[in-house]
Amino acid sequence: MHGRKHLTVCTIAACTVLAACSAPAADRGAPISNAPGECTPIDTRSPNAAGQQPAFRGQTRACAAPSSTNFTVTVVATGLEHPWAVEPLPDGSLLVTERPGRMRIVSASGDMGPPLAGLP
């Protein structure tokens, strides 16, 4: 009996989590307000293909979210082709991937190494 009770509790908990995750955004308290005239959307380009429509209001053309946080931008390296991801390494250098499929190490001083060999 104890095993069935545990299974029932787990099933109820799983259903509760799934119900919460599948609730409409408005029910979860997430703002979905971006009707025309309410904000300036971040992306104003036309859809990628004719006839594309968002699945729900607020999915695309999201409003900007202003922040009072100050940022300092420092260019570490130039000449990368569509840098994709960056991972800091223990010595202060960076492991950088590029969209064409290359991976490079950029030193802490900004020197860019050749593409790493032997990667899939």
N, C-alpha and C. Protein backbone atom coordinates (compact mmCIF):
# COMPACT_ATOMS: atom_id res chain seq x y z
N MET A 1 0.80 -1.19 0.00
CA MET A 1 0.00 0.00 0.00
C MET A 1 0.85 1.26 0.00
N HIS A 2 1.94 1.23 0.76
CA HIS A 2 2.78 2.42 0.88
C HIS A 2 3.32 2.86 -0.49
N GLY A 3 3.67 1.90 -1.33
CA GLY A 3 4.18 2.22 -2.66
C GLY A 3 3.14 2.92 -3.52
N ARG A 4 1.90 2.48 -3.44
CA ARG A 4 0.83 3.12 -4.22
C ARG A 4 0.56 4.53 -3.74
N LYS A 5 0.61 4.74 -2.43
CA LYS A 5 0.39 6.09 -1.89
C LYS A 5 1.48 7.03 -2.39
N HIS A 6 2.72 6.56 -2.38
CA HIS A 6 3.84 7.38 -2.87
C HIS A 6 3.67 7.70 -4.35
N LEU A 7 3.26 6.71 -5.13
CA LEU A 7 3.05 6.91 -6.56
C LEU A 7 1.94 7.93 -6.80
N THR A 8 0.88 7.86 -6.02
CA THR A 8 -0.23 8.80 -6.17
C THR A 8 0.22 10.21 -5.84
N VAL A 9 0.98 10.39 -4.77
CA VAL A 9 1.48 11.72 -4.39
C VAL A 9 2.39 12.26 -5.48
N CYS A 10 3.28 11.42 -6.00
CA CYS A 10 4.18 11.86 -7.08
C CYS A 10 3.39 12.23 -8.32
N THR A 11 2.36 11.45 -8.64
CA THR A 11 1.54 11.74 -9.81
C THR A 11 0.82 13.08 -9.65
N ILE A 12 0.26 13.32 -8.48
CA ILE A 12 -0.42 14.59 -8.21
C ILE A 12 0.57 15.75 -8.31
N ALA A 13 1.76 15.57 -7.73
CA ALA A 13 2.78 16.63 -7.78
C ALA A 13 3.19 16.91 -9.22
N ALA A 14 3.38 15.87 -10.02
CA ALA A 14 3.78 16.05 -11.42
C ALA A 14 2.68 16.76 -12.19
N CYS A 15 1.43 16.39 -11.96
CA CYS A 15 0.32 17.06 -12.65
C CYS A 15 0.22 18.52 -12.26
N THR A 16 0.48 18.82 -10.99
CA THR A 16 0.44 20.21 -10.53
C THR A 16 1.52 21.03 -11.21
N VAL A 17 2.74 20.48 -11.31
CA VAL A 17 3.83 21.18 -11.98
C VAL A 17 3.50 21.39 -13.45
N LEU A 18 3.01 20.35 -14.12
CA LEU A 18 2.67 20.49 -15.53
C LEU A 18 1.56 21.50 -15.74
N ALA A 19 0.58 21.52 -14.87
CA ALA A 19 -0.52 22.48 -15.00
C ALA A 19 0.00 23.90 -14.83
N ALA A 20 0.91 24.10 -13.88
CA ALA A 20 1.46 25.43 -13.67
C ALA A 20 2.28 25.88 -14.87
N CYS A 21 3.04 24.95 -15.45
CA CYS A 21 3.89 25.30 -16.60
C CYS A 21 3.07 25.54 -17.86
N SER A 22 1.91 24.88 -17.95
CA SER A 22 1.13 25.03 -19.17
C SER A 22 0.08 26.12 -19.05
N ALA A 23 0.01 26.79 -17.91
CA ALA A 23 -0.96 27.87 -17.74
C ALA A 23 -0.59 29.03 -18.65
N PRO A 24 -1.58 29.77 -19.16
CA PRO A 24 -1.27 30.94 -19.98
C PRO A 24 -0.39 31.92 -19.22
N ALA A 25 0.46 32.64 -19.94
CA ALA A 25 1.40 33.57 -19.32
C ALA A 25 0.69 34.55 -18.41
N ALA A 26 -0.50 35.01 -18.80
CA ALA A 26 -1.23 35.98 -17.98
C ALA A 26 -1.56 35.38 -16.62
N ASP A 27 -1.82 34.06 -16.58
CA ASP A 27 -2.15 33.40 -15.32
C ASP A 27 -0.92 33.21 -14.45
N ARG A 28 0.27 33.24 -15.03
CA ARG A 28 1.50 33.08 -14.25
C ARG A 28 2.06 34.44 -13.83
N GLY A 29 1.40 35.52 -14.18
CA GLY A 29 1.87 36.83 -13.78
C GLY A 29 2.88 37.44 -14.72
N ALA A 30 3.20 36.79 -15.85
CA ALA A 30 4.17 37.32 -16.80
C ALA A 30 3.49 38.36 -17.68
N PRO A 31 4.12 39.50 -17.90
CA PRO A 31 3.49 40.49 -18.76
C PRO A 31 3.45 40.03 -20.20
N ILE A 32 2.33 40.18 -20.86
CA ILE A 32 2.23 39.85 -22.28
C ILE A 32 1.72 41.05 -23.05
N SER A 33 1.82 42.20 -22.44
CA SER A 33 1.27 43.40 -23.05
C SER A 33 2.24 43.99 -24.06
N ASN A 34 1.92 43.87 -25.31
CA ASN A 34 2.66 44.56 -26.36
C ASN A 34 1.75 44.83 -27.54
N ALA A 35 0.52 45.18 -27.23
CA ALA A 35 -0.43 45.55 -28.28
C ALA A 35 0.09 46.81 -28.98
N PRO A 36 -0.28 47.01 -30.25
CA PRO A 36 0.20 48.19 -30.97
C PRO A 36 -0.04 49.47 -30.18
N GLY A 37 0.98 50.30 -30.12
CA GLY A 37 0.88 51.58 -29.44
C GLY A 37 1.27 51.54 -27.98
N GLU A 38 1.44 50.34 -27.39
CA GLU A 38 1.79 50.25 -25.98
C GLU A 38 3.29 50.39 -25.73
N CYS A 39 4.10 50.09 -26.72
CA CYS A 39 5.55 50.19 -26.54
C CYS A 39 6.23 50.22 -27.91
N THR A 40 7.51 50.48 -27.88
CA THR A 40 8.32 50.37 -29.09
C THR A 40 8.98 49.00 -29.06
N PRO A 41 8.64 48.12 -30.00
CA PRO A 41 9.24 46.79 -29.98
C PRO A 41 10.74 46.85 -30.25
N ILE A 42 11.45 45.89 -29.70
CA ILE A 42 12.90 45.80 -29.90
C ILE A 42 13.20 45.47 -31.36
N ASP A 43 12.49 44.51 -31.91
CA ASP A 43 12.72 44.06 -33.29
C ASP A 43 11.57 44.57 -34.15
N THR A 44 11.90 45.34 -35.16
CA THR A 44 10.86 45.90 -36.02
C THR A 44 10.95 45.37 -37.45
N ARG A 45 11.82 44.36 -37.66
CA ARG A 45 11.94 43.79 -39.00
C ARG A 45 10.66 43.04 -39.37
N SER A 46 10.44 42.86 -40.66
CA SER A 46 9.28 42.09 -41.11
C SER A 46 9.55 40.61 -40.84
N PRO A 47 8.48 39.78 -40.83
CA PRO A 47 8.67 38.34 -40.60
C PRO A 47 9.62 37.73 -41.63
N ASN A 48 10.23 36.60 -41.27
CA ASN A 48 11.18 35.92 -42.15
C ASN A 48 10.52 35.38 -43.40
N ALA A 49 9.25 34.99 -43.31
CA ALA A 49 8.54 34.41 -44.44
C ALA A 49 7.11 34.96 -44.45
N ALA A 50 6.55 35.05 -45.63
CA ALA A 50 5.19 35.57 -45.77
C ALA A 50 4.22 34.70 -44.97
N GLY A 51 3.29 35.34 -44.30
CA GLY A 51 2.26 34.63 -43.59
C GLY A 51 2.63 34.15 -42.20
N GLN A 52 3.86 34.43 -41.72
CA GLN A 52 4.23 34.01 -40.37
C GLN A 52 3.47 34.85 -39.35
N GLN A 53 2.92 34.19 -38.37
CA GLN A 53 2.19 34.86 -37.30
C GLN A 53 2.68 34.29 -35.97
N PRO A 54 2.75 35.11 -34.90
CA PRO A 54 3.13 34.58 -33.59
C PRO A 54 2.06 33.61 -33.08
N ALA A 55 2.46 32.66 -32.28
CA ALA A 55 1.52 31.69 -31.73
C ALA A 55 0.61 32.33 -30.69
N PHE A 56 1.08 33.37 -30.01
CA PHE A 56 0.28 34.07 -29.01
C PHE A 56 0.76 35.51 -28.92
N ARG A 57 -0.12 36.39 -28.46
CA ARG A 57 0.22 37.80 -28.34
C ARG A 57 1.39 37.95 -27.37
N GLY A 58 2.39 38.69 -27.77
CA GLY A 58 3.55 38.90 -26.92
C GLY A 58 4.72 37.97 -27.22
N GLN A 59 4.53 36.99 -28.11
CA GLN A 59 5.61 36.06 -28.42
C GLN A 59 6.73 36.77 -29.17
N THR A 60 6.37 37.64 -30.09
CA THR A 60 7.36 38.37 -30.87
C THR A 60 7.12 39.86 -30.70
N ARG A 61 8.03 40.63 -31.17
CA ARG A 61 7.95 42.09 -31.09
C ARG A 61 7.80 42.52 -29.64
N ALA A 62 8.63 41.94 -28.78
CA ALA A 62 8.60 42.25 -27.36
C ALA A 62 9.00 43.70 -27.12
N CYS A 63 8.45 44.25 -26.06
CA CYS A 63 8.79 45.62 -25.68
C CYS A 63 10.19 45.64 -25.07
N ALA A 64 10.85 46.76 -25.20
CA ALA A 64 12.15 46.94 -24.55
C ALA A 64 11.93 46.94 -23.05
N ALA A 65 12.89 46.46 -22.31
CA ALA A 65 12.84 46.46 -20.85
C ALA A 65 13.96 47.36 -20.34
N PRO A 66 13.67 48.65 -20.19
CA PRO A 66 14.71 49.58 -19.76
C PRO A 66 15.30 49.16 -18.41
N SER A 67 16.56 49.48 -18.22
CA SER A 67 17.26 49.14 -16.99
C SER A 67 18.08 50.33 -16.54
N SER A 68 18.22 50.48 -15.25
CA SER A 68 19.05 51.56 -14.72
C SER A 68 20.47 51.06 -14.43
N THR A 69 20.75 49.81 -14.79
CA THR A 69 22.07 49.23 -14.57
C THR A 69 23.07 49.81 -15.56
N ASN A 70 24.21 50.24 -15.07
CA ASN A 70 25.27 50.75 -15.94
C ASN A 70 26.15 49.59 -16.40
N PHE A 71 26.50 49.59 -17.67
CA PHE A 71 27.34 48.55 -18.23
C PHE A 71 28.63 49.17 -18.74
N THR A 72 29.71 48.43 -18.65
CA THR A 72 30.97 48.81 -19.24
C THR A 72 31.30 47.76 -20.28
N VAL A 73 31.44 48.16 -21.54
CA VAL A 73 31.74 47.23 -22.62
C VAL A 73 33.22 47.33 -22.94
N THR A 74 33.89 46.20 -22.93
CA THR A 74 35.31 46.15 -23.25
C THR A 74 35.51 45.19 -24.42
N VAL A 75 36.07 45.67 -25.52
CA VAL A 75 36.36 44.80 -26.66
C VAL A 75 37.60 43.99 -26.32
N VAL A 76 37.46 42.69 -26.34
CA VAL A 76 38.56 41.80 -25.97
C VAL A 76 39.30 41.33 -27.21
N ALA A 77 38.58 41.10 -28.31
CA ALA A 77 39.20 40.62 -29.54
C ALA A 77 38.37 41.10 -30.72
N THR A 78 39.02 41.28 -31.84
CA THR A 78 38.33 41.62 -33.07
C THR A 78 38.69 40.59 -34.13
N GLY A 79 37.90 40.52 -35.18
CA GLY A 79 38.21 39.60 -36.28
C GLY A 79 37.53 38.25 -36.17
N LEU A 80 36.72 38.04 -35.14
CA LEU A 80 35.99 36.79 -35.02
C LEU A 80 34.78 36.83 -35.97
N GLU A 81 34.42 35.67 -36.52
CA GLU A 81 33.28 35.60 -37.42
C GLU A 81 32.05 35.09 -36.65
N HIS A 82 31.16 35.97 -36.33
CA HIS A 82 29.95 35.65 -35.56
C HIS A 82 30.28 34.87 -34.29
N PRO A 83 30.96 35.52 -33.31
CA PRO A 83 31.23 34.82 -32.04
C PRO A 83 29.92 34.31 -31.47
N TRP A 84 29.94 33.08 -31.00
CA TRP A 84 28.71 32.41 -30.61
C TRP A 84 28.63 32.22 -29.10
N ALA A 85 29.69 31.72 -28.50
CA ALA A 85 29.70 31.47 -27.06
C ALA A 85 31.10 31.73 -26.53
N VAL A 86 31.15 32.10 -25.26
CA VAL A 86 32.43 32.41 -24.61
C VAL A 86 32.47 31.68 -23.28
N GLU A 87 33.59 31.04 -22.98
CA GLU A 87 33.76 30.37 -21.71
C GLU A 87 35.10 30.80 -21.11
N PRO A 88 35.09 31.41 -19.93
CA PRO A 88 36.36 31.80 -19.31
C PRO A 88 37.15 30.58 -18.88
N LEU A 89 38.44 30.65 -19.05
CA LEU A 89 39.34 29.56 -18.65
C LEU A 89 40.10 30.00 -17.40
N PRO A 90 40.61 29.05 -16.62
CA PRO A 90 41.27 29.38 -15.34
C PRO A 90 42.42 30.38 -15.44
N ASP A 91 43.13 30.41 -16.58
CA ASP A 91 44.28 31.31 -16.71
C ASP A 91 43.89 32.72 -17.16
N GLY A 92 42.57 32.99 -17.29
CA GLY A 92 42.12 34.31 -17.71
C GLY A 92 41.86 34.42 -19.20
N SER A 93 42.23 33.39 -19.96
CA SER A 93 41.93 33.41 -21.39
C SER A 93 40.49 32.97 -21.60
N LEU A 94 40.03 33.05 -22.82
CA LEU A 94 38.64 32.73 -23.15
C LEU A 94 38.59 31.69 -24.25
N LEU A 95 37.70 30.74 -24.11
CA LEU A 95 37.41 29.77 -25.16
C LEU A 95 36.21 30.33 -25.92
N VAL A 96 36.39 30.60 -27.22
CA VAL A 96 35.36 31.26 -28.01
C VAL A 96 34.97 30.38 -29.18
N THR A 97 33.66 30.19 -29.36
CA THR A 97 33.20 29.48 -30.54
C THR A 97 32.65 30.50 -31.53
N GLU A 98 32.79 30.16 -32.81
CA GLU A 98 32.27 31.00 -33.88
C GLU A 98 31.19 30.21 -34.62
N ARG A 99 30.21 30.91 -35.13
CA ARG A 99 29.08 30.24 -35.77
C ARG A 99 29.49 29.29 -36.89
N PRO A 100 30.52 29.58 -37.70
CA PRO A 100 30.87 28.61 -38.75
C PRO A 100 31.38 27.27 -38.22
N GLY A 101 31.56 27.15 -36.89
CA GLY A 101 31.98 25.87 -36.32
C GLY A 101 33.40 25.86 -35.78
N ARG A 102 34.03 27.00 -35.76
CA ARG A 102 35.40 27.04 -35.23
C ARG A 102 35.37 27.32 -33.73
N MET A 103 36.46 26.92 -33.06
CA MET A 103 36.68 27.23 -31.66
C MET A 103 38.10 27.76 -31.53
N ARG A 104 38.25 28.85 -30.79
CA ARG A 104 39.57 29.46 -30.63
C ARG A 104 39.80 29.79 -29.17
N ILE A 105 41.05 29.99 -28.82
CA ILE A 105 41.41 30.52 -27.50
C ILE A 105 41.86 31.95 -27.71
N VAL A 106 41.27 32.86 -26.95
CA VAL A 106 41.66 34.27 -26.96
C VAL A 106 42.34 34.52 -25.63
N SER A 107 43.58 35.00 -25.68
CA SER A 107 44.34 35.22 -24.44
C SER A 107 43.73 36.36 -23.64
N ALA A 108 44.13 36.45 -22.38
CA ALA A 108 43.65 37.52 -21.50
C ALA A 108 44.02 38.89 -22.05
N SER A 109 45.09 38.96 -22.84
CA SER A 109 45.51 40.24 -23.42
C SER A 109 44.82 40.52 -24.75
N GLY A 110 44.00 39.57 -25.24
CA GLY A 110 43.25 39.78 -26.48
C GLY A 110 43.85 39.17 -27.71
N ASP A 111 44.96 38.44 -27.57
CA ASP A 111 45.56 37.78 -28.73
C ASP A 111 44.71 36.57 -29.11
N MET A 112 44.31 36.51 -30.39
CA MET A 112 43.45 35.44 -30.87
C MET A 112 44.29 34.32 -31.46
N GLY A 113 44.07 33.11 -30.96
CA GLY A 113 44.79 31.96 -31.47
C GLY A 113 44.12 31.40 -32.71
N PRO A 114 44.81 30.47 -33.39
CA PRO A 114 44.22 29.84 -34.58
C PRO A 114 43.06 28.93 -34.15
N PRO A 115 42.22 28.54 -35.12
CA PRO A 115 41.15 27.59 -34.78
C PRO A 115 41.75 26.30 -34.22
N LEU A 116 41.11 25.74 -33.19
CA LEU A 116 41.57 24.50 -32.60
C LEU A 116 41.29 23.36 -33.57
N ALA A 117 42.23 22.44 -33.68
CA ALA A 117 42.12 21.33 -34.61
C ALA A 117 41.55 20.10 -33.90
N GLY A 118 40.97 19.20 -34.67
CA GLY A 118 40.51 17.93 -34.13
C GLY A 118 39.15 17.96 -33.47
N LEU A 119 38.40 19.01 -33.70
CA LEU A 119 37.06 19.09 -33.10
C LEU A 119 36.03 18.61 -34.10
N PRO A 120 34.91 18.06 -33.59
CA PRO A 120 33.87 17.61 -34.53
C PRO A 120 33.22 18.78 -35.24
